[in-house]
Amino acid sequence: MNMELGFFWLAVVFYGLSAFSYIFGLISRKEKLFSAGMILGFIGLAGNIMAVALRWIKGGILPFIDISESITSSVLVAMVIFLIVQVSAKRIRAIGVLVMPVAFILLGWAGTLMKEISGQLPASLQSYWLWVHIVGASIGFGSVLVAAGAGLLYLLKEKYQSGFYDKLPELPDLDNLAYRFVTGGFIMLGLMLISGAFWSNQVHGKFWNWDPVEVWSLICWLVYGIYLHLRRSFGWRDRKLAWYTLLALVVIIVSYWGIPFISENFHTGFRIEH
């Protein structure tokens, strides 16, 4: 096994152990397991970073092009955001009960799709707009994943308002945390759309092509825009928006990595064929 694969599967294993630690910690109501899960997550992140770096060095091109690379890089960025939150806010470490299983499942799936590096970077991908596009998409995903974790904690604390759950932030604080991360995610998803439009214009000579992934990316942005509108204009709070963050997370995962398997399109070609 080469070093890249070794580090990749190291990341998968430690993300899985971290997910188990968070879930078992919530079930057994032992906070020490959250700290253990965080440490395991850091080890997994180190493996994730090394796998991406070695693939970049080996291929000499951006390791974000095919669907496996897209998942791997997005999980890496999401984990950086999540672990920064873990270190800075001990009381919400339990959000790992959602974040880590999602990271584990996505990265494990990426491992089944991994291909050997081949060929040169297509001319259509040699654009600074691609970098902006990837950064916007990855940070946007990481932000809304943390927001969904806060939404799940909200629902759990609302249902079990005693003992272990008393140590979690108050319900309005969890609601505000999800709101802040959705706001950040909404901005970054907007950056993803704008940069993608300029990139498309360089490649096709037009800003919008009605590519299925483009359409679903716009839908994702609108989904989170609706969240903000419901909260700010209609005063939605609490349980309804907590459920909204969880359902919206499903939408963005399907948009990013499900749609390219459903129909051939501009994004499918880059993510799977090159």
Protein backbone atom coordinates (compact mmCIF):
# COMPACT_ATOMS: atom_id res chain seq x y z
CA MET A 1 0.00 0.00 0.00
CA ASN A 2 1.45 3.42 -0.94
CA MET A 3 1.76 6.20 1.61
CA GLU A 4 -1.15 8.18 0.22
CA LEU A 5 -3.58 5.30 0.67
CA GLY A 6 -2.08 4.50 4.05
CA PHE A 7 -2.77 8.01 5.34
CA PHE A 8 -6.18 8.07 3.66
CA TRP A 9 -7.40 4.91 5.39
CA LEU A 10 -5.78 6.06 8.63
CA ALA A 11 -8.07 9.09 8.40
CA VAL A 12 -11.11 6.89 7.72
CA VAL A 13 -10.33 4.63 10.69
CA PHE A 14 -9.77 7.46 13.14
CA TYR A 15 -12.82 9.37 11.92
CA GLY A 16 -14.79 6.18 12.53
CA LEU A 17 -13.33 5.77 16.04
CA SER A 18 -14.08 9.42 16.74
CA ALA A 19 -17.67 9.01 15.55
CA PHE A 20 -18.11 5.97 17.82
CA SER A 21 -16.63 7.90 20.74
CA TYR A 22 -19.03 10.81 20.29
CA ILE A 23 -22.08 8.60 19.82
CA PHE A 24 -21.24 6.36 22.78
CA GLY A 25 -20.41 9.44 24.84
CA LEU A 26 -23.88 10.84 24.17
CA ILE A 27 -25.58 7.51 24.91
CA SER A 28 -23.61 6.91 28.12
CA ARG A 29 -23.58 10.64 28.94
CA LYS A 30 -19.84 10.71 29.58
CA GLU A 31 -18.21 13.95 28.54
CA LYS A 32 -14.73 12.43 28.64
CA LEU A 33 -15.62 10.48 25.51
CA PHE A 34 -16.25 13.76 23.70
CA SER A 35 -12.69 14.82 24.51
CA ALA A 36 -11.44 11.44 23.30
CA GLY A 37 -13.47 11.86 20.13
CA MET A 38 -11.90 15.27 19.54
CA ILE A 39 -8.38 13.85 19.89
CA LEU A 40 -9.21 10.99 17.54
CA GLY A 41 -10.63 13.55 15.12
CA PHE A 42 -7.35 15.48 15.17
CA ILE A 43 -5.43 12.29 14.35
CA GLY A 44 -7.84 11.56 11.51
CA LEU A 45 -7.46 15.12 10.22
CA ALA A 46 -3.67 14.71 10.16
CA GLY A 47 -4.09 11.60 8.00
CA ASN A 48 -6.58 13.44 5.79
CA ILE A 49 -4.17 16.33 5.25
CA MET A 50 -1.28 14.01 4.46
CA ALA A 51 -3.36 12.01 1.98
CA VAL A 52 -4.38 15.17 0.12
CA ALA A 53 -0.84 16.59 0.21
CA LEU A 54 0.76 13.38 -1.08
CA ARG A 55 -1.77 13.09 -3.89
CA TRP A 56 -1.06 16.69 -4.85
CA ILE A 57 2.70 16.09 -4.85
CA LYS A 58 2.36 12.81 -6.74
CA GLY A 59 0.05 14.12 -9.44
CA GLY A 60 1.32 17.67 -9.62
CA ILE A 61 -2.26 18.92 -10.08
CA LEU A 62 -5.07 20.05 -7.83
CA PRO A 63 -6.30 17.04 -5.83
CA PHE A 64 -9.90 18.30 -5.95
CA ILE A 65 -11.03 17.25 -9.41
CA ASP A 66 -12.72 13.85 -9.41
CA ILE A 67 -15.58 13.05 -7.04
CA SER A 68 -13.37 11.16 -4.57
CA GLU A 69 -11.00 14.11 -4.34
CA SER A 70 -13.91 16.53 -4.01
CA ILE A 71 -15.30 14.60 -1.04
CA THR A 72 -11.88 14.20 0.58
CA SER A 73 -11.03 17.90 0.36
CA SER A 74 -14.48 19.01 1.53
CA VAL A 75 -14.33 16.68 4.53
CA LEU A 76 -10.87 18.03 5.34
CA VAL A 77 -12.10 21.64 5.40
CA ALA A 78 -15.23 20.67 7.35
CA MET A 79 -13.06 18.92 9.94
CA VAL A 80 -10.83 21.98 10.33
CA ILE A 81 -13.90 24.15 11.01
CA PHE A 82 -15.39 21.56 13.36
CA LEU A 83 -12.21 21.05 15.39
CA ILE A 84 -11.68 24.80 15.76
CA VAL A 85 -15.18 24.93 17.25
CA GLN A 86 -14.36 21.95 19.48
CA VAL A 87 -11.26 23.60 20.89
CA SER A 88 -12.86 27.01 21.37
CA ALA A 89 -16.21 25.94 22.84
CA LYS A 90 -16.11 22.96 25.19
CA ARG A 91 -19.82 23.06 25.97
CA ILE A 92 -20.80 22.21 22.40
CA ARG A 93 -18.38 19.36 21.82
CA ALA A 94 -21.38 17.06 21.53
CA ILE A 95 -22.03 18.37 17.99
CA GLY A 96 -19.50 15.72 17.00
CA VAL A 97 -22.30 13.18 17.37
CA LEU A 98 -23.49 14.36 13.94
CA VAL A 99 -20.37 15.83 12.35
CA MET A 100 -18.06 12.85 12.85
CA PRO A 101 -20.39 10.13 11.52
CA VAL A 102 -21.02 12.28 8.41
CA ALA A 103 -17.27 12.78 7.92
CA PHE A 104 -16.62 9.07 8.41
CA ILE A 105 -19.30 7.95 5.97
CA LEU A 106 -18.35 10.47 3.30
CA LEU A 107 -14.62 9.73 3.50
CA GLY A 108 -15.24 5.99 3.49
CA TRP A 109 -17.38 6.40 0.40
CA ALA A 110 -14.63 8.50 -1.21
CA GLY A 111 -12.24 5.58 -0.66
CA THR A 112 -14.44 3.28 -2.74
CA LEU A 113 -14.40 5.81 -5.62
CA MET A 114 -10.69 6.60 -5.61
CA LYS A 115 -8.83 6.34 -8.91
CA GLU A 116 -5.21 6.53 -9.97
CA ILE A 117 -3.95 9.95 -10.96
CA SER A 118 -3.68 10.23 -14.73
CA GLY A 119 -3.17 12.91 -17.34
CA GLN A 120 -2.61 16.61 -17.10
CA LEU A 121 -4.97 19.16 -15.68
CA PRO A 122 -7.46 20.10 -18.42
CA ALA A 123 -7.07 23.66 -19.71
CA SER A 124 -10.62 24.40 -18.57
CA LEU A 125 -9.54 23.80 -14.97
CA GLN A 126 -6.51 26.05 -15.09
CA SER A 127 -8.29 29.02 -13.63
CA TYR A 128 -8.05 31.02 -10.42
CA TRP A 129 -11.83 30.98 -10.33
CA LEU A 130 -11.64 27.24 -9.71
CA TRP A 131 -9.73 27.86 -6.49
CA VAL A 132 -12.33 30.36 -5.32
CA HIS A 133 -15.10 27.94 -6.33
CA ILE A 134 -13.58 25.07 -4.34
CA VAL A 135 -12.88 27.21 -1.27
CA GLY A 136 -16.42 28.59 -1.26
CA ALA A 137 -17.98 25.14 -1.67
CA SER A 138 -15.81 23.49 1.00
CA ILE A 139 -16.13 26.19 3.67
CA GLY A 140 -19.84 26.49 2.92
CA PHE A 141 -20.32 22.75 3.45
CA GLY A 142 -18.28 22.74 6.66
CA SER A 143 -20.27 25.66 8.05
CA VAL A 144 -23.70 24.18 7.44
CA LEU A 145 -22.53 20.80 8.77
CA VAL A 146 -21.66 22.46 12.09
CA ALA A 147 -25.01 24.28 11.97
CA ALA A 148 -26.79 20.95 11.56
CA GLY A 149 -24.84 19.60 14.54
CA ALA A 150 -26.07 22.53 16.62
CA GLY A 151 -29.60 21.85 15.37
CA LEU A 152 -29.40 18.24 16.52
CA LEU A 153 -28.18 19.32 19.96
CA TYR A 154 -31.10 21.72 20.15
CA LEU A 155 -33.60 18.94 19.51
CA LEU A 156 -31.94 16.62 22.04
CA LYS A 157 -31.74 19.26 24.77
CA GLU A 158 -35.35 20.26 24.18
CA LYS A 159 -36.45 16.66 24.65
CA TYR A 160 -34.19 15.77 27.58
CA GLN A 161 -33.98 18.92 29.71
CA SER A 162 -32.20 17.43 32.70
CA GLY A 163 -28.93 15.98 33.95
CA PHE A 164 -26.34 15.66 31.24
CA TYR A 165 -28.19 17.98 28.86
CA ASP A 166 -28.14 20.78 31.44
CA LYS A 167 -24.44 21.15 30.64
CA LEU A 168 -25.18 22.04 27.03
CA PRO A 169 -25.70 25.70 26.09
CA GLU A 170 -29.20 27.09 26.55
CA LEU A 171 -31.65 26.51 23.72
CA PRO A 172 -31.53 30.13 22.44
CA ASP A 173 -27.72 29.91 22.37
CA LEU A 174 -27.83 26.73 20.28
CA ASP A 175 -30.36 28.36 17.98
CA ASN A 176 -28.09 31.40 17.57
CA LEU A 177 -25.05 29.19 16.96
CA ALA A 178 -26.82 27.40 14.11
CA TYR A 179 -27.93 30.77 12.73
CA ARG A 180 -24.38 32.15 12.70
CA PHE A 181 -22.99 29.12 10.90
CA VAL A 182 -25.85 29.07 8.39
CA THR A 183 -25.16 32.74 7.69
CA GLY A 184 -21.48 31.99 7.07
CA GLY A 185 -22.36 28.99 4.93
CA PHE A 186 -24.86 31.04 2.91
CA ILE A 187 -22.17 33.64 2.14
CA MET A 188 -19.63 31.01 1.09
CA LEU A 189 -22.18 29.16 -1.05
CA GLY A 190 -22.90 32.47 -2.75
CA LEU A 191 -19.18 32.85 -3.40
CA MET A 192 -19.18 29.34 -4.85
CA LEU A 193 -21.99 30.25 -7.26
CA ILE A 194 -20.47 33.55 -8.37
CA SER A 195 -16.99 32.11 -8.94
CA GLY A 196 -18.51 29.11 -10.71
CA ALA A 197 -20.34 31.47 -13.05
CA PHE A 198 -17.12 33.32 -13.96
CA TRP A 199 -15.33 29.99 -14.40
CA SER A 200 -18.13 28.77 -16.69
CA ASN A 201 -17.87 31.95 -18.71
CA GLN A 202 -14.17 31.29 -19.28
CA VAL A 203 -14.89 27.73 -20.44
CA HIS A 204 -18.20 28.10 -22.34
CA GLY A 205 -18.49 31.81 -22.98
CA LYS A 206 -21.62 32.09 -20.85
CA PHE A 207 -22.22 32.40 -17.12
CA TRP A 208 -24.99 29.82 -16.72
CA ASN A 209 -25.50 26.51 -18.52
CA TRP A 210 -28.38 24.89 -16.61
CA ASP A 211 -26.02 22.07 -15.69
CA PRO A 212 -27.80 19.85 -13.09
CA VAL A 213 -25.08 20.50 -10.50
CA GLU A 214 -25.31 24.24 -11.15
CA VAL A 215 -29.07 24.11 -10.65
CA TRP A 216 -28.81 22.07 -7.46
CA SER A 217 -26.09 24.33 -6.12
CA LEU A 218 -28.44 27.26 -6.67
CA ILE A 219 -31.18 25.30 -4.91
CA CYS A 220 -28.86 24.76 -1.92
CA TRP A 221 -28.09 28.46 -1.73
CA LEU A 222 -31.80 29.28 -1.90
CA VAL A 223 -32.59 26.67 0.78
CA TYR A 224 -30.27 28.42 3.21
CA GLY A 225 -31.49 31.82 2.01
CA ILE A 226 -35.03 30.71 2.92
CA TYR A 227 -33.74 29.70 6.37
CA LEU A 228 -32.39 33.21 6.92
CA HIS A 229 -35.56 34.79 5.55
CA LEU A 230 -37.80 32.70 7.79
CA ARG A 231 -35.73 33.61 10.82
CA ARG A 232 -35.29 37.32 10.18
CA SER A 233 -38.57 38.22 8.49
CA PHE A 234 -41.03 35.73 10.00
CA GLY A 235 -39.43 35.24 13.40
CA TRP A 236 -38.92 31.49 13.07
CA ARG A 237 -36.85 30.04 15.88
CA ASP A 238 -36.33 26.91 17.89
CA ARG A 239 -37.42 23.43 16.83
CA LYS A 240 -38.62 24.28 13.32
CA LEU A 241 -35.28 25.74 12.28
CA ALA A 242 -33.36 22.95 14.04
CA TRP A 243 -35.15 20.41 11.86
CA TYR A 244 -34.60 22.68 8.88
CA THR A 245 -30.80 22.57 9.31
CA LEU A 246 -30.84 18.76 9.33
CA LEU A 247 -33.00 18.48 6.21
CA ALA A 248 -30.97 21.16 4.42
CA LEU A 249 -27.78 19.19 5.13
CA VAL A 250 -29.23 16.25 3.19
CA VAL A 251 -29.99 18.58 0.28
CA ILE A 252 -26.42 19.90 0.10
CA ILE A 253 -24.85 16.43 0.29
CA VAL A 254 -27.09 15.20 -2.54
CA SER A 255 -26.32 18.34 -4.54
CA TYR A 256 -22.56 18.08 -4.15
CA TRP A 257 -22.00 14.38 -4.63
CA GLY A 258 -25.26 12.68 -5.58
CA ILE A 259 -26.29 14.58 -8.70
CA PRO A 260 -23.10 13.77 -10.70
CA PHE A 261 -24.12 10.09 -10.55
CA ILE A 262 -27.66 10.71 -11.76
CA SER A 263 -26.95 12.40 -15.08
CA GLU A 264 -23.98 13.21 -17.28
CA ASN A 265 -23.08 16.87 -17.04
CA PHE A 266 -20.26 19.41 -17.02
CA HIS A 267 -19.32 18.62 -13.40
CA THR A 268 -19.59 14.87 -13.87
CA GLY A 269 -16.95 14.94 -16.57
CA PHE A 270 -14.45 16.79 -14.44
CA ARG A 271 -15.07 14.83 -11.28
CA ILE A 272 -15.17 11.35 -12.71
CA GLU A 273 -13.42 11.22 -16.05
CA HIS A 274 -10.30 13.37 -15.50
